[in-house]
Amino acid sequence: MNWLDFFASVIGSITSLAWPAAVVTAVWMFRGEIRPLLPRLRLKHKETEVSFRLDAAETVVGQLPAPPDTAPATPEELSRFEQLLNISPRTALMEIRREAEEAISNAASRAGYPPRAFGGTRGTLRMLRKHDLVDENTSQLLDDLFAIGNAAAHDPQASLTAIDARRYRALADRVIAVLENPPPREPSGPGDF
């Protein structure tokens, strides 16, 4: 190798590093603007999406109103969950998702809205959000929980562990407690229920 070949290879190496350096520089320069967007980022690669969504949901759950003093799950409920967990973490997760859907329907019924009139659970949740019966954080957490539940139900490649199912249960229990005991709401004016 002569000196011209050497310099050509050095320059080639430098130019091949230019685009990663540009990306790193851009991320560094705009880190303040990028940081708020990270929880909304959705990546999918086998079980990675479920784990990432659980991490995002655990961040949101900290912003929910303080949980009211509610009775913890009964030993029978815990036993049933553990039995399902031993059979299939996917099945246990789906059972908890069903409980969250039921809590949304019950919240709509308590507010005087027939839950089936809104096109299912997502429609009912949108109605509750529209009428300020659930706050933005609760709605976002439920969206994350339903997305995880959809992955569990419909993606055979999604790998769910018992740890994932237990994390999901903790999040769902917290949001169900908020739905069952909503914080007091001030009437917005005449005609408000």
N, C-alpha and C. Protein backbone atom coordinates (compact mmCIF):
# COMPACT_ATOMS: atom_id res chain seq x y z
N MET A 1 0.85 -1.17 0.00
CA MET A 1 0.00 0.00 0.00
C MET A 1 0.90 1.23 0.00
N ASN A 2 0.66 2.11 -0.95
CA ASN A 2 1.43 3.35 -0.99
C ASN A 2 0.71 4.42 -0.20
N TRP A 3 1.31 5.57 -0.11
CA TRP A 3 0.75 6.63 0.72
C TRP A 3 -0.56 7.17 0.15
N LEU A 4 -0.78 7.13 -1.17
CA LEU A 4 -2.04 7.58 -1.74
C LEU A 4 -3.19 6.64 -1.35
N ASP A 5 -2.94 5.33 -1.38
CA ASP A 5 -3.96 4.36 -0.95
C ASP A 5 -4.29 4.54 0.53
N PHE A 6 -3.25 4.81 1.33
CA PHE A 6 -3.45 5.01 2.76
C PHE A 6 -4.36 6.21 3.02
N PHE A 7 -4.07 7.36 2.39
CA PHE A 7 -4.89 8.55 2.59
C PHE A 7 -6.30 8.34 2.04
N ALA A 8 -6.45 7.61 0.95
CA ALA A 8 -7.77 7.33 0.40
C ALA A 8 -8.60 6.49 1.38
N SER A 9 -7.97 5.51 2.02
CA SER A 9 -8.71 4.69 2.99
C SER A 9 -9.06 5.49 4.24
N VAL A 10 -8.18 6.40 4.68
CA VAL A 10 -8.47 7.24 5.84
C VAL A 10 -9.65 8.17 5.52
N ILE A 11 -9.64 8.80 4.35
CA ILE A 11 -10.72 9.70 3.96
C ILE A 11 -12.02 8.92 3.80
N GLY A 12 -11.94 7.72 3.24
CA GLY A 12 -13.13 6.86 3.12
C GLY A 12 -13.71 6.51 4.48
N SER A 13 -12.85 6.23 5.44
CA SER A 13 -13.30 5.92 6.81
C SER A 13 -13.97 7.12 7.45
N ILE A 14 -13.40 8.29 7.26
CA ILE A 14 -13.96 9.50 7.85
C ILE A 14 -15.34 9.79 7.25
N THR A 15 -15.48 9.65 5.93
CA THR A 15 -16.78 9.93 5.32
C THR A 15 -17.83 8.89 5.72
N SER A 16 -17.42 7.66 5.97
CA SER A 16 -18.39 6.65 6.41
C SER A 16 -18.87 6.91 7.83
N LEU A 17 -18.11 7.67 8.60
CA LEU A 17 -18.52 8.03 9.96
C LEU A 17 -19.31 9.34 10.01
N ALA A 18 -19.43 10.02 8.88
CA ALA A 18 -20.07 11.34 8.86
C ALA A 18 -21.55 11.27 9.24
N TRP A 19 -22.32 10.32 8.67
CA TRP A 19 -23.75 10.30 8.97
C TRP A 19 -24.04 9.91 10.41
N PRO A 20 -23.32 8.93 11.02
CA PRO A 20 -23.59 8.69 12.45
C PRO A 20 -23.23 9.89 13.31
N ALA A 21 -22.16 10.58 12.95
CA ALA A 21 -21.77 11.76 13.72
C ALA A 21 -22.83 12.85 13.58
N ALA A 22 -23.40 12.99 12.39
CA ALA A 22 -24.45 13.99 12.19
C ALA A 22 -25.69 13.66 13.02
N VAL A 23 -26.06 12.38 13.08
CA VAL A 23 -27.22 11.97 13.87
C VAL A 23 -26.98 12.24 15.36
N VAL A 24 -25.81 11.85 15.84
CA VAL A 24 -25.49 12.07 17.26
C VAL A 24 -25.49 13.57 17.57
N THR A 25 -24.93 14.37 16.69
CA THR A 25 -24.90 15.82 16.89
C THR A 25 -26.31 16.40 16.92
N ALA A 26 -27.17 15.95 15.99
CA ALA A 26 -28.55 16.45 15.94
C ALA A 26 -29.31 16.06 17.21
N VAL A 27 -29.15 14.83 17.65
CA VAL A 27 -29.82 14.39 18.87
C VAL A 27 -29.33 15.21 20.06
N TRP A 28 -28.02 15.47 20.12
CA TRP A 28 -27.47 16.25 21.21
C TRP A 28 -28.01 17.68 21.19
N MET A 29 -28.07 18.27 19.99
CA MET A 29 -28.53 19.66 19.88
C MET A 29 -30.02 19.80 20.24
N PHE A 30 -30.83 18.80 19.89
CA PHE A 30 -32.27 18.88 20.10
C PHE A 30 -32.75 17.99 21.24
N ARG A 31 -31.87 17.65 22.16
CA ARG A 31 -32.24 16.73 23.25
C ARG A 31 -33.39 17.26 24.10
N GLY A 32 -33.47 18.56 24.29
CA GLY A 32 -34.56 19.14 25.08
C GLY A 32 -35.92 18.97 24.41
N GLU A 33 -35.94 19.05 23.10
CA GLU A 33 -37.18 18.88 22.36
C GLU A 33 -37.54 17.41 22.18
N ILE A 34 -36.55 16.56 22.13
CA ILE A 34 -36.77 15.12 21.89
C ILE A 34 -37.24 14.42 23.16
N ARG A 35 -36.75 14.82 24.31
CA ARG A 35 -37.05 14.13 25.57
C ARG A 35 -38.55 13.97 25.84
N PRO A 36 -39.39 15.01 25.65
CA PRO A 36 -40.83 14.82 25.89
C PRO A 36 -41.49 13.85 24.91
N LEU A 37 -40.88 13.63 23.76
CA LEU A 37 -41.46 12.74 22.76
C LEU A 37 -41.13 11.27 23.01
N LEU A 38 -40.12 10.98 23.79
CA LEU A 38 -39.68 9.60 23.98
C LEU A 38 -40.76 8.67 24.53
N PRO A 39 -41.61 9.09 25.50
CA PRO A 39 -42.63 8.15 25.97
C PRO A 39 -43.63 7.76 24.88
N ARG A 40 -43.78 8.57 23.84
CA ARG A 40 -44.71 8.26 22.77
C ARG A 40 -44.09 7.38 21.69
N LEU A 41 -42.78 7.18 21.76
CA LEU A 41 -42.09 6.36 20.77
C LEU A 41 -42.52 4.91 20.92
N ARG A 42 -42.85 4.28 19.83
CA ARG A 42 -43.30 2.90 19.85
C ARG A 42 -42.36 2.08 18.98
N LEU A 43 -41.63 1.20 19.59
CA LEU A 43 -40.75 0.30 18.88
C LEU A 43 -41.32 -1.11 18.96
N LYS A 44 -41.10 -1.89 17.91
CA LYS A 44 -41.62 -3.24 17.94
C LYS A 44 -40.58 -4.22 17.43
N HIS A 45 -40.23 -5.14 18.26
CA HIS A 45 -39.39 -6.25 17.87
C HIS A 45 -39.65 -7.37 18.88
N LYS A 46 -40.49 -8.28 18.49
CA LYS A 46 -40.91 -9.40 19.35
C LYS A 46 -41.41 -8.89 20.69
N GLU A 47 -40.77 -9.26 21.81
CA GLU A 47 -41.28 -8.86 23.12
C GLU A 47 -40.86 -7.46 23.52
N THR A 48 -40.01 -6.82 22.73
CA THR A 48 -39.52 -5.50 23.08
C THR A 48 -40.65 -4.48 23.19
N GLU A 49 -41.64 -4.55 22.29
CA GLU A 49 -42.73 -3.59 22.33
C GLU A 49 -43.50 -3.69 23.64
N VAL A 50 -43.78 -4.89 24.08
CA VAL A 50 -44.52 -5.07 25.32
C VAL A 50 -43.74 -4.48 26.49
N SER A 51 -42.46 -4.77 26.57
CA SER A 51 -41.64 -4.26 27.66
C SER A 51 -41.56 -2.74 27.62
N PHE A 52 -41.37 -2.18 26.43
CA PHE A 52 -41.27 -0.73 26.30
C PHE A 52 -42.59 -0.07 26.69
N ARG A 53 -43.70 -0.64 26.27
CA ARG A 53 -45.01 -0.09 26.62
C ARG A 53 -45.25 -0.18 28.12
N LEU A 54 -44.84 -1.28 28.74
CA LEU A 54 -44.98 -1.40 30.19
C LEU A 54 -44.16 -0.32 30.89
N ASP A 55 -42.95 -0.07 30.40
CA ASP A 55 -42.12 0.98 30.98
C ASP A 55 -42.81 2.34 30.86
N ALA A 56 -43.37 2.63 29.69
CA ALA A 56 -44.07 3.90 29.48
C ALA A 56 -45.29 4.00 30.38
N ALA A 57 -46.02 2.91 30.51
CA ALA A 57 -47.22 2.92 31.36
C ALA A 57 -46.84 3.11 32.82
N GLU A 58 -45.74 2.53 33.24
CA GLU A 58 -45.31 2.71 34.63
C GLU A 58 -44.91 4.16 34.91
N THR A 59 -44.46 4.85 33.89
CA THR A 59 -44.15 6.28 34.04
C THR A 59 -45.45 7.07 34.22
N VAL A 60 -46.45 6.73 33.42
CA VAL A 60 -47.73 7.46 33.46
C VAL A 60 -48.47 7.19 34.77
N VAL A 61 -48.38 5.99 35.30
CA VAL A 61 -49.15 5.65 36.50
C VAL A 61 -48.74 6.52 37.69
N GLY A 62 -47.51 7.01 37.69
CA GLY A 62 -47.08 7.90 38.76
C GLY A 62 -47.79 9.25 38.73
N GLN A 63 -48.41 9.59 37.61
CA GLN A 63 -49.10 10.87 37.46
C GLN A 63 -50.59 10.77 37.77
N LEU A 64 -51.07 9.56 38.07
CA LEU A 64 -52.48 9.39 38.41
C LEU A 64 -52.75 9.96 39.79
N PRO A 65 -54.01 10.28 40.06
CA PRO A 65 -54.35 10.74 41.41
C PRO A 65 -54.03 9.64 42.42
N ALA A 66 -53.81 10.05 43.64
CA ALA A 66 -53.49 9.08 44.69
C ALA A 66 -54.61 8.05 44.77
N PRO A 67 -54.23 6.78 44.91
CA PRO A 67 -55.28 5.76 44.97
C PRO A 67 -56.05 5.87 46.27
N PRO A 68 -57.35 5.70 46.19
CA PRO A 68 -58.16 5.73 47.41
C PRO A 68 -57.88 4.48 48.23
N ASP A 69 -58.29 4.52 49.46
CA ASP A 69 -58.15 3.33 50.30
C ASP A 69 -59.17 2.30 49.83
N THR A 70 -58.69 1.32 49.11
CA THR A 70 -59.57 0.26 48.63
C THR A 70 -59.09 -1.06 49.19
N ALA A 71 -59.99 -1.98 49.22
CA ALA A 71 -59.64 -3.31 49.71
C ALA A 71 -58.71 -3.97 48.71
N PRO A 72 -57.64 -4.58 49.19
CA PRO A 72 -56.75 -5.29 48.27
C PRO A 72 -57.47 -6.50 47.68
N ALA A 73 -56.88 -7.05 46.64
CA ALA A 73 -57.47 -8.22 46.01
C ALA A 73 -57.62 -9.34 47.04
N THR A 74 -58.71 -10.06 46.91
CA THR A 74 -58.96 -11.16 47.85
C THR A 74 -57.99 -12.30 47.56
N PRO A 75 -57.77 -13.18 48.53
CA PRO A 75 -56.90 -14.33 48.28
C PRO A 75 -57.38 -15.19 47.11
N GLU A 76 -58.72 -15.26 46.95
CA GLU A 76 -59.26 -16.05 45.84
C GLU A 76 -58.88 -15.42 44.50
N GLU A 77 -59.00 -14.07 44.43
CA GLU A 77 -58.63 -13.39 43.19
C GLU A 77 -57.15 -13.57 42.88
N LEU A 78 -56.32 -13.43 43.91
CA LEU A 78 -54.89 -13.61 43.70
C LEU A 78 -54.57 -15.05 43.32
N SER A 79 -55.25 -15.98 43.94
CA SER A 79 -55.03 -17.39 43.63
C SER A 79 -55.41 -17.69 42.18
N ARG A 80 -56.53 -17.14 41.74
CA ARG A 80 -56.97 -17.35 40.36
C ARG A 80 -55.95 -16.76 39.38
N PHE A 81 -55.48 -15.56 39.67
CA PHE A 81 -54.48 -14.93 38.81
C PHE A 81 -53.21 -15.78 38.76
N GLU A 82 -52.76 -16.25 39.91
CA GLU A 82 -51.55 -17.08 39.95
C GLU A 82 -51.75 -18.40 39.20
N GLN A 83 -52.94 -18.97 39.31
CA GLN A 83 -53.22 -20.20 38.56
C GLN A 83 -53.15 -19.94 37.06
N LEU A 84 -53.78 -18.86 36.64
CA LEU A 84 -53.72 -18.50 35.22
C LEU A 84 -52.29 -18.20 34.79
N LEU A 85 -51.56 -17.54 35.66
CA LEU A 85 -50.17 -17.19 35.36
C LEU A 85 -49.32 -18.44 35.17
N ASN A 86 -49.57 -19.46 35.99
CA ASN A 86 -48.82 -20.71 35.85
C ASN A 86 -49.17 -21.43 34.56
N ILE A 87 -50.41 -21.31 34.13
CA ILE A 87 -50.84 -21.94 32.88
C ILE A 87 -50.29 -21.17 31.70
N SER A 88 -50.55 -19.84 31.70
CA SER A 88 -50.14 -19.00 30.58
C SER A 88 -50.13 -17.54 31.00
N PRO A 89 -48.97 -16.88 30.99
CA PRO A 89 -48.95 -15.44 31.30
C PRO A 89 -49.85 -14.64 30.35
N ARG A 90 -49.97 -15.08 29.11
CA ARG A 90 -50.82 -14.41 28.13
C ARG A 90 -52.28 -14.45 28.58
N THR A 91 -52.73 -15.60 29.06
CA THR A 91 -54.11 -15.76 29.52
C THR A 91 -54.36 -14.91 30.76
N ALA A 92 -53.40 -14.89 31.68
CA ALA A 92 -53.54 -14.08 32.89
C ALA A 92 -53.65 -12.60 32.52
N LEU A 93 -52.84 -12.16 31.58
CA LEU A 93 -52.87 -10.78 31.15
C LEU A 93 -54.21 -10.44 30.50
N MET A 94 -54.73 -11.34 29.69
CA MET A 94 -56.01 -11.10 29.04
C MET A 94 -57.15 -11.01 30.06
N GLU A 95 -57.08 -11.78 31.12
CA GLU A 95 -58.09 -11.72 32.17
C GLU A 95 -58.07 -10.36 32.88
N ILE A 96 -56.88 -9.85 33.13
CA ILE A 96 -56.76 -8.54 33.77
C ILE A 96 -57.27 -7.45 32.82
N ARG A 97 -56.98 -7.60 31.53
CA ARG A 97 -57.49 -6.63 30.56
C ARG A 97 -59.02 -6.62 30.57
N ARG A 98 -59.63 -7.79 30.66
CA ARG A 98 -61.09 -7.89 30.72
C ARG A 98 -61.62 -7.13 31.93
N GLU A 99 -60.93 -7.23 33.05
CA GLU A 99 -61.34 -6.50 34.26
C GLU A 99 -61.26 -4.99 34.03
N ALA A 100 -60.23 -4.53 33.33
CA ALA A 100 -60.11 -3.09 33.03
C ALA A 100 -61.24 -2.63 32.12
N GLU A 101 -61.59 -3.45 31.13
CA GLU A 101 -62.71 -3.11 30.24
C GLU A 101 -64.01 -3.03 31.02
N GLU A 102 -64.20 -3.95 31.95
CA GLU A 102 -65.40 -3.95 32.79
C GLU A 102 -65.45 -2.70 33.66
N ALA A 103 -64.30 -2.26 34.17
CA ALA A 103 -64.26 -1.05 35.00
C ALA A 103 -64.64 0.18 34.19
N ILE A 104 -64.26 0.22 32.91
CA ILE A 104 -64.65 1.34 32.04
C ILE A 104 -66.16 1.33 31.83
N SER A 105 -66.72 0.16 31.56
CA SER A 105 -68.17 0.06 31.38
C SER A 105 -68.91 0.49 32.64
N ASN A 106 -68.42 0.06 33.80
CA ASN A 106 -69.06 0.44 35.06
C ASN A 106 -68.97 1.94 35.31
N ALA A 107 -67.82 2.54 34.96
CA ALA A 107 -67.67 3.99 35.13
C ALA A 107 -68.67 4.74 34.25
N ALA A 108 -68.87 4.26 33.03
CA ALA A 108 -69.85 4.90 32.13
C ALA A 108 -71.26 4.74 32.69
N SER A 109 -71.58 3.56 33.19
CA SER A 109 -72.92 3.33 33.76
C SER A 109 -73.17 4.23 34.96
N ARG A 110 -72.17 4.36 35.84
CA ARG A 110 -72.32 5.23 37.02
C ARG A 110 -72.54 6.68 36.62
N ALA A 111 -71.96 7.09 35.48
CA ALA A 111 -72.12 8.47 35.00
C ALA A 111 -73.42 8.66 34.24
N GLY A 112 -74.18 7.59 34.05
CA GLY A 112 -75.46 7.70 33.37
C GLY A 112 -75.40 7.47 31.87
N TYR A 113 -74.31 6.92 31.39
CA TYR A 113 -74.16 6.63 29.97
C TYR A 113 -74.21 5.12 29.75
N PRO A 114 -75.02 4.66 28.79
CA PRO A 114 -75.01 3.22 28.50
C PRO A 114 -73.71 2.87 27.78
N PRO A 115 -72.88 2.02 28.37
CA PRO A 115 -71.55 1.77 27.81
C PRO A 115 -71.55 1.19 26.40
N ARG A 116 -72.52 0.41 26.05
CA ARG A 116 -72.54 -0.23 24.72
C ARG A 116 -72.94 0.75 23.62
N ALA A 117 -73.41 1.93 23.98
CA ALA A 117 -73.86 2.90 22.97
C ALA A 117 -72.70 3.60 22.27
N PHE A 118 -71.48 3.37 22.71
CA PHE A 118 -70.34 4.11 22.18
C PHE A 118 -69.40 3.24 21.36
N GLY A 119 -69.87 2.07 20.94
CA GLY A 119 -69.06 1.24 20.05
C GLY A 119 -67.94 0.49 20.73
N GLY A 120 -68.18 0.00 21.90
CA GLY A 120 -67.17 -0.80 22.57
C GLY A 120 -66.37 -0.03 23.59
N THR A 121 -65.35 -0.69 24.10
CA THR A 121 -64.56 -0.14 25.20
C THR A 121 -63.82 1.13 24.79
N ARG A 122 -63.20 1.14 23.63
CA ARG A 122 -62.46 2.34 23.20
C ARG A 122 -63.39 3.53 23.03
N GLY A 123 -64.56 3.30 22.44
CA GLY A 123 -65.53 4.38 22.27
C GLY A 123 -66.03 4.90 23.61
N THR A 124 -66.26 3.99 24.53
CA THR A 124 -66.70 4.38 25.87
C THR A 124 -65.61 5.19 26.57
N LEU A 125 -64.36 4.77 26.42
CA LEU A 125 -63.25 5.52 27.02
C LEU A 125 -63.16 6.92 26.42
N ARG A 126 -63.33 7.03 25.11
CA ARG A 126 -63.31 8.36 24.47
C ARG A 126 -64.43 9.24 25.02
N MET A 127 -65.61 8.65 25.21
CA MET A 127 -66.73 9.41 25.76
C MET A 127 -66.41 9.88 27.18
N LEU A 128 -65.85 8.99 28.00
CA LEU A 128 -65.49 9.37 29.37
C LEU A 128 -64.47 10.51 29.36
N ARG A 129 -63.51 10.43 28.46
CA ARG A 129 -62.48 11.47 28.34
C ARG A 129 -63.10 12.78 27.87
N LYS A 130 -63.99 12.70 26.89
CA LYS A 130 -64.64 13.90 26.33
C LYS A 130 -65.41 14.65 27.40
N HIS A 131 -66.05 13.92 28.30
CA HIS A 131 -66.85 14.53 29.36
C HIS A 131 -66.05 14.73 30.65
N ASP A 132 -64.73 14.63 30.55
CA ASP A 132 -63.83 14.83 31.69
C ASP A 132 -64.13 13.91 32.87
N LEU A 133 -64.60 12.72 32.57
CA LEU A 133 -64.86 11.75 33.63
C LEU A 133 -63.60 10.92 33.92
N VAL A 134 -62.66 10.93 33.00
CA VAL A 134 -61.31 10.40 33.23
C VAL A 134 -60.33 11.45 32.74
N ASP A 135 -59.20 11.55 33.43
CA ASP A 135 -58.21 12.55 33.02
C ASP A 135 -57.31 12.00 31.92
N GLU A 136 -56.46 12.85 31.41
CA GLU A 136 -55.58 12.49 30.29
C GLU A 136 -54.64 11.35 30.66
N ASN A 137 -54.09 11.38 31.87
CA ASN A 137 -53.14 10.33 32.27
C ASN A 137 -53.82 8.97 32.38
N THR A 138 -55.02 8.94 32.94
CA THR A 138 -55.76 7.68 33.04
C THR A 138 -56.07 7.15 31.65
N SER A 139 -56.50 8.03 30.76
CA SER A 139 -56.80 7.63 29.39
C SER A 139 -55.56 7.10 28.68
N GLN A 140 -54.44 7.79 28.85
CA GLN A 140 -53.19 7.35 28.22
C GLN A 140 -52.75 5.99 28.76
N LEU A 141 -52.88 5.81 30.07
CA LEU A 141 -52.51 4.53 30.67
C LEU A 141 -53.40 3.40 30.15
N LEU A 142 -54.69 3.67 30.05
CA LEU A 142 -55.60 2.66 29.51
C LEU A 142 -55.27 2.34 28.04
N ASP A 143 -54.92 3.35 27.27
CA ASP A 143 -54.51 3.11 25.88
C ASP A 143 -53.30 2.18 25.83
N ASP A 144 -52.31 2.45 26.69
CA ASP A 144 -51.12 1.58 26.73
C ASP A 144 -51.49 0.17 27.15
N LEU A 145 -52.35 0.05 28.15
CA LEU A 145 -52.75 -1.28 28.62
C LEU A 145 -53.50 -2.04 27.52
N PHE A 146 -54.37 -1.35 26.80
CA PHE A 146 -55.10 -2.02 25.72
C PHE A 146 -54.17 -2.40 24.57
N ALA A 147 -53.18 -1.57 24.29
CA ALA A 147 -52.22 -1.91 23.23
C ALA A 147 -51.42 -3.16 23.61
N ILE A 148 -51.04 -3.25 24.87
CA ILE A 148 -50.32 -4.44 25.34
C ILE A 148 -51.25 -5.65 25.28
N GLY A 149 -52.50 -5.45 25.70
CA GLY A 149 -53.48 -6.53 25.62
C GLY A 149 -53.71 -6.99 24.19
N ASN A 150 -53.76 -6.03 23.25
CA ASN A 150 -53.92 -6.40 21.84
C ASN A 150 -52.72 -7.21 21.35
N ALA A 151 -51.53 -6.79 21.74
CA ALA A 151 -50.34 -7.55 21.34
C ALA A 151 -50.40 -8.96 21.91
N ALA A 152 -50.85 -9.07 23.15
CA ALA A 152 -50.94 -10.40 23.78
C ALA A 152 -51.98 -11.26 23.08
N ALA A 153 -53.08 -10.66 22.69
CA ALA A 153 -54.17 -11.43 22.09
C ALA A 153 -53.93 -11.79 20.63
N HIS A 154 -53.30 -10.90 19.90
CA HIS A 154 -53.26 -11.06 18.45
C HIS A 154 -51.89 -11.31 17.85
N ASP A 155 -50.83 -11.14 18.61
CA ASP A 155 -49.49 -11.32 18.05
C ASP A 155 -48.86 -12.58 18.63
N PRO A 156 -48.86 -13.66 17.86
CA PRO A 156 -48.29 -14.90 18.40
C PRO A 156 -46.79 -14.81 18.65
N GLN A 157 -46.13 -13.81 18.06
CA GLN A 157 -44.69 -13.63 18.27
C GLN A 157 -44.38 -12.89 19.58
N ALA A 158 -45.39 -12.24 20.15
CA ALA A 158 -45.17 -11.49 21.39
C ALA A 158 -44.85 -12.46 22.52
N SER A 159 -43.70 -12.27 23.10
CA SER A 159 -43.27 -13.14 24.18
C SER A 159 -43.60 -12.47 25.51
N LEU A 160 -44.49 -13.07 26.27
CA LEU A 160 -44.90 -12.51 27.55
C LEU A 160 -44.40 -13.40 28.68
N THR A 161 -43.84 -12.78 29.67
CA THR A 161 -43.35 -13.53 30.82
C THR A 161 -44.29 -13.31 32.00
N ALA A 162 -44.08 -14.10 33.02
CA ALA A 162 -44.87 -13.92 34.25
C ALA A 162 -44.59 -12.55 34.86
N ILE A 163 -43.37 -12.08 34.73
CA ILE A 163 -43.02 -10.75 35.25
C ILE A 163 -43.81 -9.67 34.51
N ASP A 164 -43.91 -9.80 33.18
CA ASP A 164 -44.70 -8.85 32.39
C ASP A 164 -46.15 -8.86 32.85
N ALA A 165 -46.71 -10.03 33.06
CA ALA A 165 -48.11 -10.14 33.48
C ALA A 165 -48.32 -9.53 34.86
N ARG A 166 -47.36 -9.72 35.76
CA ARG A 166 -47.49 -9.12 37.10
C ARG A 166 -47.39 -7.60 37.03
N ARG A 167 -46.49 -7.08 36.20
CA ARG A 167 -46.38 -5.63 36.01
C ARG A 167 -47.69 -5.09 35.44
N TYR A 168 -48.23 -5.78 34.47
CA TYR A 168 -49.49 -5.39 33.84
C TYR A 168 -50.60 -5.36 34.89
N ARG A 169 -50.64 -6.38 35.74
CA ARG A 169 -51.67 -6.43 36.78
C ARG A 169 -51.55 -5.25 37.73
N ALA A 170 -50.34 -4.90 38.13
CA ALA A 170 -50.16 -3.78 39.05
C ALA A 170 -50.66 -2.48 38.42
N LEU A 171 -50.36 -2.28 37.14
CA LEU A 171 -50.83 -1.08 36.45
C LEU A 171 -52.35 -1.08 36.32
N ALA A 172 -52.90 -2.22 35.92
CA ALA A 172 -54.35 -2.32 35.74
C ALA A 172 -55.07 -2.14 37.07
N ASP A 173 -54.56 -2.72 38.14
CA ASP A 173 -55.20 -2.55 39.45
C ASP A 173 -55.25 -1.08 39.84
N ARG A 174 -54.18 -0.36 39.55
CA ARG A 174 -54.12 1.07 39.90
C ARG A 174 -55.16 1.86 39.10
N VAL A 175 -55.23 1.61 37.79
CA VAL A 175 -56.17 2.37 36.96
C VAL A 175 -57.61 1.97 37.26
N ILE A 176 -57.85 0.71 37.59
CA ILE A 176 -59.19 0.27 37.96
C ILE A 176 -59.63 0.97 39.25
N ALA A 177 -58.70 1.12 40.20
CA ALA A 177 -59.03 1.83 41.45
C ALA A 177 -59.42 3.28 41.15
N VAL A 178 -58.74 3.91 40.20
CA VAL A 178 -59.09 5.30 39.84
C VAL A 178 -60.46 5.34 39.17
N LEU A 179 -60.75 4.36 38.30
CA LEU A 179 -62.05 4.34 37.63
C LEU A 179 -63.19 4.07 38.61
N GLU A 180 -62.94 3.22 39.60
CA GLU A 180 -63.99 2.89 40.57
C GLU A 180 -64.20 3.98 41.59
N ASN A 181 -63.19 4.81 41.84
CA ASN A 181 -63.28 5.88 42.83
C ASN A 181 -62.73 7.16 42.21
N PRO A 182 -63.44 7.75 41.25
CA PRO A 182 -62.91 8.94 40.58
C PRO A 182 -62.78 10.09 41.57
N PRO A 183 -61.79 10.98 41.30
CA PRO A 183 -61.68 12.15 42.16
C PRO A 183 -62.91 13.03 41.99
N PRO A 184 -63.26 13.81 43.02
CA PRO A 184 -64.45 14.66 42.92
C PRO A 184 -64.28 15.65 41.77
N ARG A 185 -65.38 15.90 41.10
CA ARG A 185 -65.38 16.78 39.94
C ARG A 185 -66.29 17.95 40.23
N GLU A 186 -65.80 19.14 39.91
CA GLU A 186 -66.63 20.32 40.12
C GLU A 186 -67.55 20.50 38.93
N PRO A 187 -68.84 20.79 39.17
CA PRO A 187 -69.75 21.03 38.05
C PRO A 187 -69.28 22.23 37.24
N SER A 188 -69.44 22.14 35.93
CA SER A 188 -68.98 23.22 35.06
C SER A 188 -70.08 24.24 34.78
N GLY A 189 -71.26 23.96 35.21
CA GLY A 189 -72.33 24.94 35.00
C GLY A 189 -73.68 24.26 34.95
N PRO A 190 -74.72 25.03 34.54
CA PRO A 190 -76.06 24.46 34.46
C PRO A 190 -76.10 23.34 33.43
N GLY A 191 -76.88 22.35 33.74
CA GLY A 191 -77.02 21.23 32.83
C GLY A 191 -75.96 20.16 33.01
N ASP A 192 -74.97 20.45 33.84
CA ASP A 192 -73.95 19.45 34.08
C ASP A 192 -74.52 18.43 35.05
N PHE A 193 -74.21 17.21 34.87
CA PHE A 193 -74.79 16.17 35.71
C PHE A 193 -74.04 16.02 36.99
